[in-house]
Amino acid sequence: MLVCVINVKPIDHSTPSDAELAAINFAAGWALGRNVKIKVISDSKSSIEAIRRPKVKSNFALSVKDNLYNAKDLVSLVWVKAHAGNPGNELADHFAKIASSCGAICLYLLLILM
C-alpha cells in the first residue's frame, strides 16, 4: 500500500480548514489526472462538512466540491477522529508539524507494507 501525505501550508489569512480543503482538492486533481482510485482520509470534520452540505458557503469549498464530483468514481472521502490513536492520522499530524516550515505544498510518499 502506498500512502501519500499531503500537507498544504496555509497562505496568509486562510484557515486550517482552507489548508485541508486545498489538500483534498490536490488529491482529487492528482487522482483524476492519473485515472487512479484513491481514498482521502481526513480528520477535519469541518472541511468534509463544508463540501458535503447542500449549499456550500465558500467559493473555494464549492470549487473543491466540483472537483470531487468530477473525480467521483476515483475519490472516496473518509473522516477519522483526530488524536484517537489511528496510526495513519498520527503520522499525518507529525507531517503537519513539519509542513509549518515548508513551502506551499509538502508531499510525502510512504510505502507501508502490510
N, C-alpha and C. Protein backbone atom coordinates (compact mmCIF):
# COMPACT_ATOMS: atom_id res chain seq x y z
N MET A 1 0.85 -1.16 0.00
CA MET A 1 0.00 0.00 0.00
C MET A 1 0.90 1.24 0.00
N LEU A 2 0.58 2.19 -0.84
CA LEU A 2 1.31 3.45 -0.89
C LEU A 2 0.46 4.51 -0.22
N VAL A 3 1.03 5.20 0.74
CA VAL A 3 0.32 6.25 1.45
C VAL A 3 0.94 7.58 1.07
N CYS A 4 0.11 8.50 0.67
CA CYS A 4 0.57 9.83 0.30
C CYS A 4 0.05 10.82 1.33
N VAL A 5 0.93 11.50 2.01
CA VAL A 5 0.54 12.51 2.98
C VAL A 5 0.76 13.86 2.33
N ILE A 6 -0.30 14.64 2.19
CA ILE A 6 -0.20 15.95 1.56
C ILE A 6 -0.42 17.00 2.63
N ASN A 7 0.56 17.82 2.85
CA ASN A 7 0.43 18.94 3.77
C ASN A 7 0.47 20.22 2.98
N VAL A 8 -0.52 21.04 3.16
CA VAL A 8 -0.57 22.32 2.47
C VAL A 8 -0.44 23.40 3.52
N LYS A 9 0.60 24.20 3.39
CA LYS A 9 0.80 25.30 4.33
C LYS A 9 -0.21 26.40 4.00
N PRO A 10 -1.01 26.82 4.99
CA PRO A 10 -1.99 27.86 4.72
C PRO A 10 -1.33 29.15 4.26
N ILE A 11 -1.96 29.80 3.28
CA ILE A 11 -1.48 31.11 2.87
C ILE A 11 -1.99 32.14 3.86
N ASP A 12 -1.47 33.34 3.80
CA ASP A 12 -1.90 34.38 4.72
C ASP A 12 -3.42 34.52 4.70
N HIS A 13 -3.99 34.69 5.85
CA HIS A 13 -5.42 34.92 6.05
C HIS A 13 -6.28 33.71 5.71
N SER A 14 -5.70 32.54 5.63
CA SER A 14 -6.52 31.34 5.42
C SER A 14 -6.62 30.59 6.74
N THR A 15 -7.50 29.64 6.77
CA THR A 15 -7.73 28.87 7.99
C THR A 15 -7.17 27.45 7.82
N PRO A 16 -7.01 26.72 8.91
CA PRO A 16 -6.61 25.32 8.77
C PRO A 16 -7.59 24.53 7.91
N SER A 17 -8.87 24.88 7.98
CA SER A 17 -9.86 24.21 7.14
C SER A 17 -9.59 24.47 5.66
N ASP A 18 -9.17 25.70 5.32
CA ASP A 18 -8.81 26.01 3.94
C ASP A 18 -7.63 25.16 3.47
N ALA A 19 -6.66 24.98 4.35
CA ALA A 19 -5.49 24.15 4.01
C ALA A 19 -5.92 22.71 3.79
N GLU A 20 -6.82 22.22 4.62
CA GLU A 20 -7.32 20.85 4.47
C GLU A 20 -8.09 20.71 3.15
N LEU A 21 -8.91 21.71 2.84
CA LEU A 21 -9.63 21.69 1.56
C LEU A 21 -8.67 21.71 0.39
N ALA A 22 -7.59 22.48 0.51
CA ALA A 22 -6.59 22.55 -0.56
C ALA A 22 -5.93 21.19 -0.76
N ALA A 23 -5.65 20.48 0.32
CA ALA A 23 -5.05 19.15 0.22
C ALA A 23 -6.03 18.16 -0.42
N ILE A 24 -7.31 18.24 -0.04
CA ILE A 24 -8.33 17.38 -0.65
C ILE A 24 -8.44 17.67 -2.14
N ASN A 25 -8.42 18.96 -2.47
CA ASN A 25 -8.51 19.38 -3.87
C ASN A 25 -7.31 18.86 -4.67
N PHE A 26 -6.12 18.98 -4.09
CA PHE A 26 -4.91 18.49 -4.73
C PHE A 26 -5.02 16.99 -5.00
N ALA A 27 -5.48 16.25 -4.00
CA ALA A 27 -5.61 14.79 -4.13
C ALA A 27 -6.61 14.42 -5.22
N ALA A 28 -7.73 15.14 -5.28
CA ALA A 28 -8.74 14.85 -6.31
C ALA A 28 -8.17 15.11 -7.70
N GLY A 29 -7.47 16.22 -7.86
CA GLY A 29 -6.85 16.53 -9.15
C GLY A 29 -5.79 15.51 -9.53
N TRP A 30 -5.02 15.07 -8.54
CA TRP A 30 -3.98 14.08 -8.77
C TRP A 30 -4.60 12.77 -9.26
N ALA A 31 -5.65 12.32 -8.59
CA ALA A 31 -6.31 11.07 -8.97
C ALA A 31 -6.94 11.18 -10.35
N LEU A 32 -7.58 12.30 -10.61
CA LEU A 32 -8.25 12.49 -11.90
C LEU A 32 -7.23 12.53 -13.04
N GLY A 33 -6.11 13.21 -12.80
CA GLY A 33 -5.07 13.32 -13.83
C GLY A 33 -4.39 12.00 -14.15
N ARG A 34 -4.42 11.07 -13.21
CA ARG A 34 -3.76 9.77 -13.40
C ARG A 34 -4.76 8.62 -13.57
N ASN A 35 -6.04 8.95 -13.42
CA ASN A 35 -7.10 7.96 -13.53
C ASN A 35 -6.88 6.78 -12.58
N VAL A 36 -6.61 7.11 -11.31
CA VAL A 36 -6.41 6.09 -10.28
C VAL A 36 -7.40 6.32 -9.14
N LYS A 37 -7.82 5.23 -8.53
CA LYS A 37 -8.73 5.32 -7.38
C LYS A 37 -7.92 5.56 -6.12
N ILE A 38 -8.41 6.51 -5.32
CA ILE A 38 -7.75 6.82 -4.05
C ILE A 38 -8.79 6.98 -2.95
N LYS A 39 -8.31 6.87 -1.72
CA LYS A 39 -9.13 7.16 -0.56
C LYS A 39 -8.47 8.32 0.17
N VAL A 40 -9.20 9.40 0.35
CA VAL A 40 -8.70 10.57 1.08
C VAL A 40 -9.24 10.45 2.50
N ILE A 41 -8.33 10.38 3.46
CA ILE A 41 -8.71 10.24 4.86
C ILE A 41 -8.33 11.53 5.57
N SER A 42 -9.31 12.15 6.20
CA SER A 42 -9.10 13.45 6.84
C SER A 42 -9.70 13.44 8.24
N ASP A 43 -9.06 14.17 9.15
CA ASP A 43 -9.63 14.34 10.48
C ASP A 43 -10.31 15.70 10.62
N SER A 44 -10.46 16.39 9.51
CA SER A 44 -11.09 17.72 9.53
C SER A 44 -12.58 17.59 9.20
N LYS A 45 -13.36 17.41 10.26
CA LYS A 45 -14.81 17.27 10.08
C LYS A 45 -15.40 18.52 9.43
N SER A 46 -14.89 19.69 9.81
CA SER A 46 -15.43 20.94 9.25
C SER A 46 -15.19 21.04 7.75
N SER A 47 -14.04 20.57 7.28
CA SER A 47 -13.75 20.61 5.84
C SER A 47 -14.65 19.65 5.08
N ILE A 48 -14.81 18.46 5.60
CA ILE A 48 -15.66 17.47 4.94
C ILE A 48 -17.11 17.95 4.93
N GLU A 49 -17.57 18.49 6.05
CA GLU A 49 -18.94 19.01 6.10
C GLU A 49 -19.12 20.18 5.15
N ALA A 50 -18.08 21.00 5.01
CA ALA A 50 -18.17 22.18 4.13
C ALA A 50 -18.44 21.79 2.69
N ILE A 51 -17.89 20.65 2.26
CA ILE A 51 -18.10 20.25 0.86
C ILE A 51 -19.26 19.27 0.70
N ARG A 52 -19.76 18.72 1.80
CA ARG A 52 -20.88 17.78 1.71
C ARG A 52 -22.24 18.46 1.89
N ARG A 53 -22.26 19.64 2.47
CA ARG A 53 -23.57 20.27 2.69
C ARG A 53 -24.18 20.70 1.36
N PRO A 54 -25.51 20.69 1.29
CA PRO A 54 -26.18 21.02 0.02
C PRO A 54 -25.85 22.42 -0.50
N LYS A 55 -25.81 23.38 0.39
CA LYS A 55 -25.48 24.74 -0.02
C LYS A 55 -24.10 25.08 0.53
N VAL A 56 -23.12 25.07 -0.34
CA VAL A 56 -21.74 25.34 0.06
C VAL A 56 -21.57 26.84 0.21
N LYS A 57 -20.95 27.26 1.32
CA LYS A 57 -20.86 28.68 1.65
C LYS A 57 -19.72 29.41 0.96
N SER A 58 -18.57 28.78 0.85
CA SER A 58 -17.42 29.49 0.27
C SER A 58 -17.19 29.07 -1.18
N ASN A 59 -16.67 30.01 -1.96
CA ASN A 59 -16.35 29.70 -3.36
C ASN A 59 -15.29 28.62 -3.46
N PHE A 60 -14.31 28.67 -2.55
CA PHE A 60 -13.24 27.68 -2.59
C PHE A 60 -13.79 26.29 -2.30
N ALA A 61 -14.63 26.17 -1.28
CA ALA A 61 -15.23 24.87 -0.96
C ALA A 61 -16.09 24.37 -2.12
N LEU A 62 -16.78 25.29 -2.80
CA LEU A 62 -17.59 24.90 -3.96
C LEU A 62 -16.71 24.37 -5.08
N SER A 63 -15.56 25.00 -5.28
CA SER A 63 -14.61 24.54 -6.29
C SER A 63 -14.10 23.13 -5.96
N VAL A 64 -13.78 22.90 -4.69
CA VAL A 64 -13.32 21.58 -4.26
C VAL A 64 -14.44 20.55 -4.47
N LYS A 65 -15.66 20.93 -4.12
CA LYS A 65 -16.81 20.03 -4.31
C LYS A 65 -16.97 19.67 -5.78
N ASP A 66 -16.83 20.66 -6.66
CA ASP A 66 -16.93 20.40 -8.11
C ASP A 66 -15.84 19.45 -8.58
N ASN A 67 -14.61 19.66 -8.09
CA ASN A 67 -13.50 18.78 -8.48
C ASN A 67 -13.72 17.36 -7.97
N LEU A 68 -14.25 17.23 -6.77
CA LEU A 68 -14.56 15.89 -6.25
C LEU A 68 -15.67 15.24 -7.06
N TYR A 69 -16.63 16.03 -7.49
CA TYR A 69 -17.71 15.48 -8.33
C TYR A 69 -17.13 14.95 -9.64
N ASN A 70 -16.21 15.71 -10.24
CA ASN A 70 -15.58 15.28 -11.49
C ASN A 70 -14.78 14.00 -11.32
N ALA A 71 -14.29 13.78 -10.11
CA ALA A 71 -13.49 12.59 -9.82
C ALA A 71 -14.27 11.58 -8.98
N LYS A 72 -15.60 11.65 -9.03
CA LYS A 72 -16.44 10.88 -8.10
C LYS A 72 -16.21 9.37 -8.14
N ASP A 73 -15.87 8.82 -9.28
CA ASP A 73 -15.63 7.38 -9.36
C ASP A 73 -14.22 7.01 -8.91
N LEU A 74 -13.39 8.01 -8.70
CA LEU A 74 -11.99 7.76 -8.35
C LEU A 74 -11.66 8.08 -6.89
N VAL A 75 -12.40 9.00 -6.29
CA VAL A 75 -12.02 9.50 -4.97
C VAL A 75 -13.12 9.20 -3.95
N SER A 76 -12.73 8.54 -2.87
CA SER A 76 -13.64 8.40 -1.73
C SER A 76 -13.07 9.23 -0.59
N LEU A 77 -13.95 9.89 0.13
CA LEU A 77 -13.56 10.81 1.20
C LEU A 77 -14.04 10.23 2.52
N VAL A 78 -13.11 10.05 3.46
CA VAL A 78 -13.41 9.39 4.73
C VAL A 78 -12.94 10.27 5.88
N TRP A 79 -13.78 10.40 6.91
CA TRP A 79 -13.40 11.13 8.10
C TRP A 79 -12.94 10.15 9.18
N VAL A 80 -11.85 10.52 9.88
CA VAL A 80 -11.40 9.77 11.05
C VAL A 80 -11.26 10.74 12.21
N LYS A 81 -11.50 10.25 13.40
CA LYS A 81 -11.39 11.08 14.59
C LYS A 81 -9.92 11.42 14.84
N ALA A 82 -9.67 12.68 15.12
CA ALA A 82 -8.29 13.13 15.40
C ALA A 82 -7.85 12.66 16.78
N HIS A 83 -6.56 12.42 16.91
CA HIS A 83 -5.92 12.08 18.19
C HIS A 83 -6.61 10.90 18.89
N ALA A 84 -6.99 9.90 18.08
CA ALA A 84 -7.66 8.73 18.63
C ALA A 84 -6.81 7.48 18.50
N GLY A 85 -5.52 7.67 18.25
CA GLY A 85 -4.62 6.52 18.16
C GLY A 85 -4.57 5.86 16.80
N ASN A 86 -5.18 6.47 15.79
CA ASN A 86 -5.11 5.93 14.43
C ASN A 86 -3.70 6.16 13.90
N PRO A 87 -2.95 5.11 13.59
CA PRO A 87 -1.55 5.29 13.17
C PRO A 87 -1.38 6.20 11.96
N GLY A 88 -2.25 6.07 10.97
CA GLY A 88 -2.15 6.94 9.80
C GLY A 88 -2.40 8.39 10.13
N ASN A 89 -3.37 8.63 11.01
CA ASN A 89 -3.67 10.00 11.40
C ASN A 89 -2.55 10.59 12.26
N GLU A 90 -1.98 9.78 13.13
CA GLU A 90 -0.85 10.25 13.94
C GLU A 90 0.33 10.62 13.05
N LEU A 91 0.56 9.83 12.01
CA LEU A 91 1.63 10.11 11.06
C LEU A 91 1.35 11.41 10.32
N ALA A 92 0.11 11.60 9.90
CA ALA A 92 -0.27 12.84 9.21
C ALA A 92 -0.07 14.04 10.13
N ASP A 93 -0.42 13.91 11.40
CA ASP A 93 -0.20 15.01 12.35
C ASP A 93 1.28 15.34 12.48
N HIS A 94 2.11 14.30 12.48
CA HIS A 94 3.56 14.51 12.55
C HIS A 94 4.03 15.34 11.35
N PHE A 95 3.57 14.97 10.16
CA PHE A 95 3.98 15.71 8.97
C PHE A 95 3.35 17.10 8.91
N ALA A 96 2.20 17.27 9.52
CA ALA A 96 1.58 18.60 9.56
C ALA A 96 2.46 19.57 10.34
N LYS A 97 3.10 19.08 11.39
CA LYS A 97 4.02 19.93 12.16
C LYS A 97 5.21 20.33 11.29
N ILE A 98 5.69 19.39 10.49
CA ILE A 98 6.81 19.68 9.59
C ILE A 98 6.38 20.68 8.52
N ALA A 99 5.13 20.58 8.07
CA ALA A 99 4.63 21.44 6.99
C ALA A 99 4.67 22.91 7.34
N SER A 100 4.62 23.21 8.63
CA SER A 100 4.62 24.62 9.02
C SER A 100 5.92 25.32 8.63
N SER A 101 6.96 24.54 8.30
CA SER A 101 8.23 25.16 7.92
C SER A 101 8.57 24.97 6.44
N CYS A 102 7.66 24.37 5.67
CA CYS A 102 7.97 24.15 4.25
C CYS A 102 7.25 25.16 3.38
N GLY A 103 7.38 24.98 2.07
CA GLY A 103 6.75 25.88 1.12
C GLY A 103 5.26 25.65 1.01
N ALA A 104 4.71 25.94 -0.14
CA ALA A 104 3.26 25.89 -0.33
C ALA A 104 2.69 24.50 -0.14
N ILE A 105 3.34 23.49 -0.71
CA ILE A 105 2.82 22.12 -0.58
C ILE A 105 3.98 21.18 -0.27
N CYS A 106 3.81 20.38 0.75
CA CYS A 106 4.77 19.33 1.07
C CYS A 106 4.09 18.01 0.74
N LEU A 107 4.73 17.21 -0.04
CA LEU A 107 4.16 15.94 -0.45
C LEU A 107 5.09 14.83 0.02
N TYR A 108 4.56 13.91 0.80
CA TYR A 108 5.34 12.79 1.31
C TYR A 108 4.73 11.50 0.80
N LEU A 109 5.54 10.66 0.22
CA LEU A 109 5.07 9.35 -0.23
C LEU A 109 5.70 8.30 0.67
N LEU A 110 4.89 7.48 1.27
CA LEU A 110 5.36 6.47 2.19
C LEU A 110 4.90 5.11 1.70
N LEU A 111 5.79 4.18 1.67
CA LEU A 111 5.43 2.82 1.30
C LEU A 111 5.25 2.03 2.59
N ILE A 112 4.04 1.55 2.80
CA ILE A 112 3.73 0.79 4.00
C ILE A 112 3.43 -0.64 3.59
N LEU A 113 4.18 -1.55 4.12
CA LEU A 113 3.98 -2.97 3.81
C LEU A 113 3.04 -3.56 4.85
N MET A 114 2.01 -4.22 4.37
CA MET A 114 1.02 -4.81 5.29
C MET A 114 0.90 -6.29 4.99
